[in-house]
Amino acid sequence: MALHFELVTPARLVRSDDVYMVVVPGTEGEFGVLEGHAPFMATVRDGSLKIYKSEGSQPEEIMVQGGFAEVGENGLTVLAEHVEG
């Protein structure tokens, strides 16, 4: 099973993909999200979002600035104020 992940900004959809895990830079600390994670919302601080395509793989890192993260039935959605790249 895979986690559906979307990264969006107010201007565009940056990424929509099925991945193994995403580590989000939350304002209260980093947190990892896998398929089946309990629903919740959190604020995002400036930092590196780490995306693992498969178990044991090296992460792809995307720099984000602020925003919100929501885990729900459809997976993880990160709404970032700005994404570098």
PDB file of N, CA and C in Angstrom:
ATOM      1  N   MET A   1       0.844  -1.178   0.000  1.00  0.00           N
ATOM      2  CA  MET A   1       0.000   0.000   0.000  1.00  0.00           C
ATOM      3  C   MET A   1       0.887   1.238   0.000  1.00  0.00           C
ATOM      4  N   ALA A   2       0.350   2.299  -0.563  1.00  0.00           N
ATOM      5  CA  ALA A   2       1.113   3.539  -0.666  1.00  0.00           C
ATOM      6  C   ALA A   2       0.307   4.705  -0.103  1.00  0.00           C
ATOM      7  N   LEU A   3       1.033   5.709   0.303  1.00  0.00           N
ATOM      8  CA  LEU A   3       0.443   6.942   0.807  1.00  0.00           C
ATOM      9  C   LEU A   3       0.266   7.895  -0.364  1.00  0.00           C
ATOM     10  N   HIS A   4      -0.945   8.420  -0.561  1.00  0.00           N
ATOM     11  CA  HIS A   4      -1.135   9.436  -1.597  1.00  0.00           C
ATOM     12  C   HIS A   4      -0.710  10.773  -1.006  1.00  0.00           C
ATOM     13  N   PHE A   5       0.196  11.465  -1.715  1.00  0.00           N
ATOM     14  CA  PHE A   5       0.782  12.713  -1.241  1.00  0.00           C
ATOM     15  C   PHE A   5       0.568  13.817  -2.264  1.00  0.00           C
ATOM     16  N   GLU A   6       0.102  14.969  -1.787  1.00  0.00           N
ATOM     17  CA  GLU A   6      -0.017  16.143  -2.647  1.00  0.00           C
ATOM     18  C   GLU A   6       0.648  17.328  -1.971  1.00  0.00           C
ATOM     19  N   LEU A   7       1.428  18.058  -2.755  1.00  0.00           N
ATOM     20  CA  LEU A   7       2.069  19.293  -2.314  1.00  0.00           C
ATOM     21  C   LEU A   7       1.533  20.406  -3.189  1.00  0.00           C
ATOM     22  N   VAL A   8       0.897  21.391  -2.570  1.00  0.00           N
ATOM     23  CA  VAL A   8       0.298  22.489  -3.322  1.00  0.00           C
ATOM     24  C   VAL A   8       0.706  23.826  -2.723  1.00  0.00           C
ATOM     25  N   THR A   9       0.689  24.850  -3.571  1.00  0.00           N
ATOM     26  CA  THR A   9       0.861  26.231  -3.134  1.00  0.00           C
ATOM     27  C   THR A   9      -0.406  26.960  -3.536  1.00  0.00           C
ATOM     28  N   PRO A  10      -0.585  28.200  -3.097  1.00  0.00           N
ATOM     29  CA  PRO A  10      -1.767  28.938  -3.548  1.00  0.00           C
ATOM     30  C   PRO A  10      -1.826  29.089  -5.075  1.00  0.00           C
ATOM     31  N   ALA A  11      -0.683  28.987  -5.741  1.00  0.00           N
ATOM     32  CA  ALA A  11      -0.630  29.201  -7.190  1.00  0.00           C
ATOM     33  C   ALA A  11      -0.753  27.924  -8.026  1.00  0.00           C
ATOM     34  N   ARG A  12      -0.304  26.751  -7.480  1.00  0.00           N
ATOM     35  CA  ARG A  12      -0.270  25.561  -8.335  1.00  0.00           C
ATOM     36  C   ARG A  12      -0.139  24.265  -7.545  1.00  0.00           C
ATOM     37  N   LEU A  13      -0.448  23.176  -8.230  1.00  0.00           N
ATOM     38  CA  LEU A  13      -0.186  21.831  -7.717  1.00  0.00           C
ATOM     39  C   LEU A  13       1.269  21.515  -8.050  1.00  0.00           C
ATOM     40  N   VAL A  14       2.088  21.317  -7.026  1.00  0.00           N
ATOM     41  CA  VAL A  14       3.516  21.066  -7.222  1.00  0.00           C
ATOM     42  C   VAL A  14       3.772  19.582  -7.447  1.00  0.00           C
ATOM     43  N   ARG A  15       3.066  18.734  -6.685  1.00  0.00           N
ATOM     44  CA  ARG A  15       3.329  17.296  -6.742  1.00  0.00           C
ATOM     45  C   ARG A  15       2.095  16.518  -6.319  1.00  0.00           C
ATOM     46  N   SER A  16       1.809  15.442  -7.019  1.00  0.00           N
ATOM     47  CA  SER A  16       0.760  14.509  -6.656  1.00  0.00           C
ATOM     48  C   SER A  16       1.290  13.125  -6.990  1.00  0.00           C
ATOM     49  N   ASP A  17       1.514  12.302  -5.953  1.00  0.00           N
ATOM     50  CA  ASP A  17       2.218  11.042  -6.165  1.00  0.00           C
ATOM     51  C   ASP A  17       1.874  10.053  -5.061  1.00  0.00           C
ATOM     52  N   ASP A  18       2.021   8.777  -5.337  1.00  0.00           N
ATOM     53  CA  ASP A  18       1.910   7.742  -4.325  1.00  0.00           C
ATOM     54  C   ASP A  18       3.320   7.424  -3.846  1.00  0.00           C
ATOM     55  N   VAL A  19       3.549   7.526  -2.539  1.00  0.00           N
ATOM     56  CA  VAL A  19       4.878   7.358  -1.960  1.00  0.00           C
ATOM     57  C   VAL A  19       4.808   6.434  -0.746  1.00  0.00           C
ATOM     58  N   TYR A  20       5.980   6.086  -0.213  1.00  0.00           N
ATOM     59  CA  TYR A  20       6.038   5.243   0.975  1.00  0.00           C
ATOM     60  C   TYR A  20       5.827   6.067   2.250  1.00  0.00           C
ATOM     61  N   MET A  21       6.572   7.195   2.364  1.00  0.00           N
ATOM     62  CA  MET A  21       6.496   8.007   3.571  1.00  0.00           C
ATOM     63  C   MET A  21       6.924   9.435   3.258  1.00  0.00           C
ATOM     64  N   VAL A  22       6.357  10.382   4.020  1.00  0.00           N
ATOM     65  CA  VAL A  22       6.767  11.782   3.933  1.00  0.00           C
ATOM     66  C   VAL A  22       7.061  12.269   5.348  1.00  0.00           C
ATOM     67  N   VAL A  23       8.198  12.973   5.513  1.00  0.00           N
ATOM     68  CA  VAL A  23       8.540  13.593   6.788  1.00  0.00           C
ATOM     69  C   VAL A  23       8.350  15.091   6.617  1.00  0.00           C
ATOM     70  N   VAL A  24       7.481  15.650   7.448  1.00  0.00           N
ATOM     71  CA  VAL A  24       7.061  17.047   7.340  1.00  0.00           C
ATOM     72  C   VAL A  24       7.709  17.873   8.456  1.00  0.00           C
ATOM     73  N   PRO A  25       8.242  19.069   8.124  1.00  0.00           N
ATOM     74  CA  PRO A  25       8.795  19.938   9.166  1.00  0.00           C
ATOM     75  C   PRO A  25       7.679  20.714   9.872  1.00  0.00           C
ATOM     76  N   GLY A  26       7.090  20.118  10.880  1.00  0.00           N
ATOM     77  CA  GLY A  26       6.005  20.766  11.618  1.00  0.00           C
ATOM     78  C   GLY A  26       6.526  21.820  12.575  1.00  0.00           C
ATOM     79  N   THR A  27       5.684  22.766  12.930  1.00  0.00           N
ATOM     80  CA  THR A  27       6.109  23.815  13.863  1.00  0.00           C
ATOM     81  C   THR A  27       6.393  23.256  15.251  1.00  0.00           C
ATOM     82  N   GLU A  28       5.825  22.103  15.576  1.00  0.00           N
ATOM     83  CA  GLU A  28       6.075  21.477  16.878  1.00  0.00           C
ATOM     84  C   GLU A  28       7.046  20.310  16.759  1.00  0.00           C
ATOM     85  N   GLY A  29       7.743  20.224  15.623  1.00  0.00           N
ATOM     86  CA  GLY A  29       8.707  19.165  15.383  1.00  0.00           C
ATOM     87  C   GLY A  29       8.378  18.390  14.128  1.00  0.00           C
ATOM     88  N   GLU A  30       9.374  17.707  13.597  1.00  0.00           N
ATOM     89  CA  GLU A  30       9.152  16.896  12.400  1.00  0.00           C
ATOM     90  C   GLU A  30       8.236  15.725  12.727  1.00  0.00           C
ATOM     91  N   PHE A  31       7.438  15.327  11.721  1.00  0.00           N
ATOM     92  CA  PHE A  31       6.610  14.135  11.888  1.00  0.00           C
ATOM     93  C   PHE A  31       6.555  13.375  10.570  1.00  0.00           C
ATOM     94  N   GLY A  32       6.527  12.057  10.691  1.00  0.00           N
ATOM     95  CA  GLY A  32       6.452  11.189   9.519  1.00  0.00           C
ATOM     96  C   GLY A  32       5.044  10.681   9.320  1.00  0.00           C
ATOM     97  N   VAL A  33       4.659  10.544   8.055  1.00  0.00           N
ATOM     98  CA  VAL A  33       3.327  10.060   7.716  1.00  0.00           C
ATOM     99  C   VAL A  33       3.461   8.858   6.776  1.00  0.00           C
ATOM    100  N   LEU A  34       2.850   7.753   7.172  1.00  0.00           N
ATOM    101  CA  LEU A  34       2.767   6.534   6.373  1.00  0.00           C
ATOM    102  C   LEU A  34       1.306   6.282   6.020  1.00  0.00           C
ATOM    103  N   GLU A  35       1.063   5.386   5.086  1.00  0.00           N
ATOM    104  CA  GLU A  35      -0.298   4.969   4.748  1.00  0.00           C
ATOM    105  C   GLU A  35      -1.017   4.507   6.016  1.00  0.00           C
ATOM    106  N   GLY A  36      -2.261   4.916   6.204  1.00  0.00           N
ATOM    107  CA  GLY A  36      -3.053   4.502   7.355  1.00  0.00           C
ATOM    108  C   GLY A  36      -2.875   5.369   8.586  1.00  0.00           C
ATOM    109  N   HIS A  37      -2.124   6.462   8.474  1.00  0.00           N
ATOM    110  CA  HIS A  37      -1.911   7.364   9.619  1.00  0.00           C
ATOM    111  C   HIS A  37      -3.248   7.932  10.084  1.00  0.00           C
ATOM    112  N   ALA A  38      -3.388   8.153  11.369  1.00  0.00           N
ATOM    113  CA  ALA A  38      -4.599   8.761  11.923  1.00  0.00           C
ATOM    114  C   ALA A  38      -4.770  10.177  11.375  1.00  0.00           C
ATOM    115  N   PRO A  39      -6.012  10.597  11.135  1.00  0.00           N
ATOM    116  CA  PRO A  39      -6.260  11.945  10.617  1.00  0.00           C
ATOM    117  C   PRO A  39      -5.831  13.032  11.610  1.00  0.00           C
ATOM    118  N   PHE A  40      -5.228  14.083  11.089  1.00  0.00           N
ATOM    119  CA  PHE A  40      -4.894  15.248  11.912  1.00  0.00           C
ATOM    120  C   PHE A  40      -4.462  16.402  11.022  1.00  0.00           C
ATOM    121  N   MET A  41      -4.341  17.586  11.619  1.00  0.00           N
ATOM    122  CA  MET A  41      -3.837  18.766  10.924  1.00  0.00           C
ATOM    123  C   MET A  41      -2.697  19.362  11.736  1.00  0.00           C
ATOM    124  N   ALA A  42      -1.743  19.991  11.040  1.00  0.00           N
ATOM    125  CA  ALA A  42      -0.607  20.621  11.716  1.00  0.00           C
ATOM    126  C   ALA A  42      -0.128  21.806  10.883  1.00  0.00           C
ATOM    127  N   THR A  43       0.520  22.744  11.545  1.00  0.00           N
ATOM    128  CA  THR A  43       1.154  23.843  10.828  1.00  0.00           C
ATOM    129  C   THR A  43       2.563  23.416  10.431  1.00  0.00           C
ATOM    130  N   VAL A  44       3.030  24.003   9.329  1.00  0.00           N
ATOM    131  CA  VAL A  44       4.332  23.654   8.770  1.00  0.00           C
ATOM    132  C   VAL A  44       5.267  24.848   8.912  1.00  0.00           C
ATOM    133  N   ARG A  45       6.496  24.577   9.353  1.00  0.00           N
ATOM    134  CA  ARG A  45       7.509  25.630   9.456  1.00  0.00           C
ATOM    135  C   ARG A  45       8.394  25.582   8.208  1.00  0.00           C
ATOM    136  N   ASP A  46       9.198  26.601   8.024  1.00  0.00           N
ATOM    137  CA  ASP A  46      10.168  26.611   6.935  1.00  0.00           C
ATOM    138  C   ASP A  46      11.141  25.459   7.149  1.00  0.00           C
ATOM    139  N   GLY A  47      11.365  24.680   6.113  1.00  0.00           N
ATOM    140  CA  GLY A  47      12.287  23.561   6.244  1.00  0.00           C
ATOM    141  C   GLY A  47      12.208  22.616   5.069  1.00  0.00           C
ATOM    142  N   SER A  48      12.783  21.452   5.263  1.00  0.00           N
ATOM    143  CA  SER A  48      12.897  20.457   4.210  1.00  0.00           C
ATOM    144  C   SER A  48      11.838  19.366   4.375  1.00  0.00           C
ATOM    145  N   LEU A  49      11.028  19.189   3.346  1.00  0.00           N
ATOM    146  CA  LEU A  49      10.046  18.111   3.279  1.00  0.00           C
ATOM    147  C   LEU A  49      10.780  16.915   2.681  1.00  0.00           C
ATOM    148  N   LYS A  50      10.758  15.767   3.348  1.00  0.00           N
ATOM    149  CA  LYS A  50      11.487  14.584   2.868  1.00  0.00           C
ATOM    150  C   LYS A  50      10.487  13.557   2.346  1.00  0.00           C
ATOM    151  N   ILE A  51      10.667  13.165   1.086  1.00  0.00           N
ATOM    152  CA  ILE A  51       9.746  12.239   0.430  1.00  0.00           C
ATOM    153  C   ILE A  51      10.491  10.940   0.124  1.00  0.00           C
ATOM    154  N   TYR A  52       9.998   9.844   0.691  1.00  0.00           N
ATOM    155  CA  TYR A  52      10.576   8.522   0.469  1.00  0.00           C
ATOM    156  C   TYR A  52       9.674   7.762  -0.501  1.00  0.00           C
ATOM    157  N   LYS A  53      10.201   7.450  -1.697  1.00  0.00           N
ATOM    158  CA  LYS A  53       9.406   6.743  -2.711  1.00  0.00           C
ATOM    159  C   LYS A  53       9.131   5.300  -2.304  1.00  0.00           C
ATOM    160  N   SER A  54      10.092   4.670  -1.614  1.00  0.00           N
ATOM    161  CA  SER A  54       9.910   3.288  -1.184  1.00  0.00           C
ATOM    162  C   SER A  54      10.642   3.084   0.135  1.00  0.00           C
ATOM    163  N   GLU A  55      10.327   1.999   0.816  1.00  0.00           N
ATOM    164  CA  GLU A  55      10.963   1.703   2.097  1.00  0.00           C
ATOM    165  C   GLU A  55      12.460   1.530   1.899  1.00  0.00           C
ATOM    166  N   GLY A  56      13.264   2.226   2.721  1.00  0.00           N
ATOM    167  CA  GLY A  56      14.710   2.116   2.652  1.00  0.00           C
ATOM    168  C   GLY A  56      15.370   2.994   1.596  1.00  0.00           C
ATOM    169  N   SER A  57      14.573   3.724   0.819  1.00  0.00           N
ATOM    170  CA  SER A  57      15.165   4.578  -0.218  1.00  0.00           C
ATOM    171  C   SER A  57      15.691   5.886   0.368  1.00  0.00           C
ATOM    172  N   GLN A  58      16.539   6.555  -0.386  1.00  0.00           N
ATOM    173  CA  GLN A  58      17.029   7.867   0.015  1.00  0.00           C
ATOM    174  C   GLN A  58      15.921   8.892  -0.240  1.00  0.00           C
ATOM    175  N   PRO A  59      15.753   9.859   0.655  1.00  0.00           N
ATOM    176  CA  PRO A  59      14.665  10.810   0.475  1.00  0.00           C
ATOM    177  C   PRO A  59      14.965  11.878  -0.577  1.00  0.00           C
ATOM    178  N   GLU A  60      13.916  12.298  -1.243  1.00  0.00           N
ATOM    179  CA  GLU A  60      13.975  13.496  -2.083  1.00  0.00           C
ATOM    180  C   GLU A  60      13.593  14.640  -1.157  1.00  0.00           C
ATOM    181  N   GLU A  61      14.326  15.735  -1.194  1.00  0.00           N
ATOM    182  CA  GLU A  61      14.036  16.855  -0.304  1.00  0.00           C
ATOM    183  C   GLU A  61      13.526  18.051  -1.098  1.00  0.00           C
ATOM    184  N   ILE A  62      12.458  18.651  -0.594  1.00  0.00           N
ATOM    185  CA  ILE A  62      11.883  19.853  -1.186  1.00  0.00           C
ATOM    186  C   ILE A  62      11.766  20.887  -0.085  1.00  0.00           C
ATOM    187  N   MET A  63      12.315  22.072  -0.322  1.00  0.00           N
ATOM    188  CA  MET A  63      12.251  23.154   0.658  1.00  0.00           C
ATOM    189  C   MET A  63      10.882  23.828   0.594  1.00  0.00           C
ATOM    190  N   VAL A  64      10.245  23.949   1.755  1.00  0.00           N
ATOM    191  CA  VAL A  64       8.939  24.606   1.837  1.00  0.00           C
ATOM    192  C   VAL A  64       9.021  25.749   2.850  1.00  0.00           C
ATOM    193  N   GLN A  65       8.130  26.708   2.675  1.00  0.00           N
ATOM    194  CA  GLN A  65       8.049  27.825   3.610  1.00  0.00           C
ATOM    195  C   GLN A  65       6.621  27.936   4.108  1.00  0.00           C
ATOM    196  N   GLY A  66       6.438  27.665   5.389  1.00  0.00           N
ATOM    197  CA  GLY A  66       5.147  27.816   6.049  1.00  0.00           C
ATOM    198  C   GLY A  66       4.024  27.010   5.424  1.00  0.00           C
ATOM    199  N   GLY A  67       2.868  27.048   6.079  1.00  0.00           N
ATOM    200  CA  GLY A  67       1.694  26.386   5.541  1.00  0.00           C
ATOM    201  C   GLY A  67       1.043  25.438   6.530  1.00  0.00           C
ATOM    202  N   PHE A  68       0.312  24.488   5.964  1.00  0.00           N
ATOM    203  CA  PHE A  68      -0.446  23.521   6.747  1.00  0.00           C
ATOM    204  C   PHE A  68      -0.300  22.138   6.148  1.00  0.00           C
ATOM    205  N   ALA A  69      -0.438  21.119   6.982  1.00  0.00           N
ATOM    206  CA  ALA A  69      -0.447  19.730   6.533  1.00  0.00           C
ATOM    207  C   ALA A  69      -1.713  19.073   7.061  1.00  0.00           C
ATOM    208  N   GLU A  70      -2.364  18.294   6.210  1.00  0.00           N
ATOM    209  CA  GLU A  70      -3.571  17.579   6.621  1.00  0.00           C
ATOM    210  C   GLU A  70      -3.454  16.122   6.216  1.00  0.00           C
ATOM    211  N   VAL A  71      -3.663  15.242   7.184  1.00  0.00           N
ATOM    212  CA  VAL A  71      -3.729  13.812   6.926  1.00  0.00           C
ATOM    213  C   VAL A  71      -5.192  13.416   7.026  1.00  0.00           C
ATOM    214  N   GLY A  72      -5.708  12.783   5.990  1.00  0.00           N
ATOM    215  CA  GLY A  72      -7.106  12.373   5.971  1.00  0.00           C
ATOM    216  C   GLY A  72      -7.274  11.071   5.218  1.00  0.00           C
ATOM    217  N   GLU A  73      -8.512  10.750   4.880  1.00  0.00           N
ATOM    218  CA  GLU A  73      -8.804   9.509   4.159  1.00  0.00           C
ATOM    219  C   GLU A  73      -8.082   9.426   2.825  1.00  0.00           C
ATOM    220  N   ASN A  74      -7.848  10.577   2.182  1.00  0.00           N
ATOM    221  CA  ASN A  74      -7.215  10.605   0.864  1.00  0.00           C
ATOM    222  C   ASN A  74      -5.702  10.686   0.929  1.00  0.00           C
ATOM    223  N   GLY A  75      -5.110  10.634   2.123  1.00  0.00           N
ATOM    224  CA  GLY A  75      -3.661  10.689   2.257  1.00  0.00           C
ATOM    225  C   GLY A  75      -3.201  11.981   2.906  1.00  0.00           C
ATOM    226  N   LEU A  76      -2.018  12.462   2.486  1.00  0.00           N
ATOM    227  CA  LEU A  76      -1.404  13.653   3.049  1.00  0.00           C
ATOM    228  C   LEU A  76      -1.422  14.785   2.029  1.00  0.00           C
ATOM    229  N   THR A  77      -1.922  15.932   2.449  1.00  0.00           N
ATOM    230  CA  THR A  77      -1.865  17.135   1.623  1.00  0.00           C
ATOM    231  C   THR A  77      -1.097  18.196   2.397  1.00  0.00           C
ATOM    232  N   VAL A  78      -0.075  18.763   1.761  1.00  0.00           N
ATOM    233  CA  VAL A  78       0.683  19.868   2.331  1.00  0.00           C
ATOM    234  C   VAL A  78       0.395  21.104   1.494  1.00  0.00           C
ATOM    235  N   LEU A  79      -0.183  22.120   2.137  1.00  0.00           N
ATOM    236  CA  LEU A  79      -0.417  23.413   1.486  1.00  0.00           C
ATOM    237  C   LEU A  79       0.670  24.351   1.991  1.00  0.00           C
ATOM    238  N   ALA A  80       1.660  24.605   1.151  1.00  0.00           N
ATOM    239  CA  ALA A  80       2.801  25.433   1.522  1.00  0.00           C
ATOM    240  C   ALA A  80       2.614  26.847   0.990  1.00  0.00           C
ATOM    241  N   GLU A  81       3.069  27.821   1.769  1.00  0.00           N
ATOM    242  CA  GLU A  81       3.017  29.198   1.305  1.00  0.00           C
ATOM    243  C   GLU A  81       3.922  29.394   0.102  1.00  0.00           C
ATOM    244  N   HIS A  82       5.087  28.720   0.113  1.00  0.00           N
ATOM    245  CA  HIS A  82       6.042  28.815  -0.996  1.00  0.00           C
ATOM    246  C   HIS A  82       6.867  27.529  -1.061  1.00  0.00           C
ATOM    247  N   VAL A  83       7.187  27.095  -2.270  1.00  0.00           N
ATOM    248  CA  VAL A  83       8.037  25.918  -2.492  1.00  0.00           C
ATOM    249  C   VAL A  83       9.195  26.348  -3.368  1.00  0.00           C
ATOM    250  N   GLU A  84      10.408  26.015  -2.965  1.00  0.00           N
ATOM    251  CA  GLU A  84      11.578  26.339  -3.781  1.00  0.00           C
ATOM    252  C   GLU A  84      11.734  25.298  -4.870  1.00  0.00           C
ATOM    253  N   GLY A  85      11.942  25.770  -6.092  1.00  0.00           N
ATOM    254  CA  GLY A  85      12.172  24.859  -7.209  1.00  0.00           C
ATOM    255  C   GLY A  85      10.981  24.627  -8.093  1.00  0.00           C
TER     256      GLY A  85
END
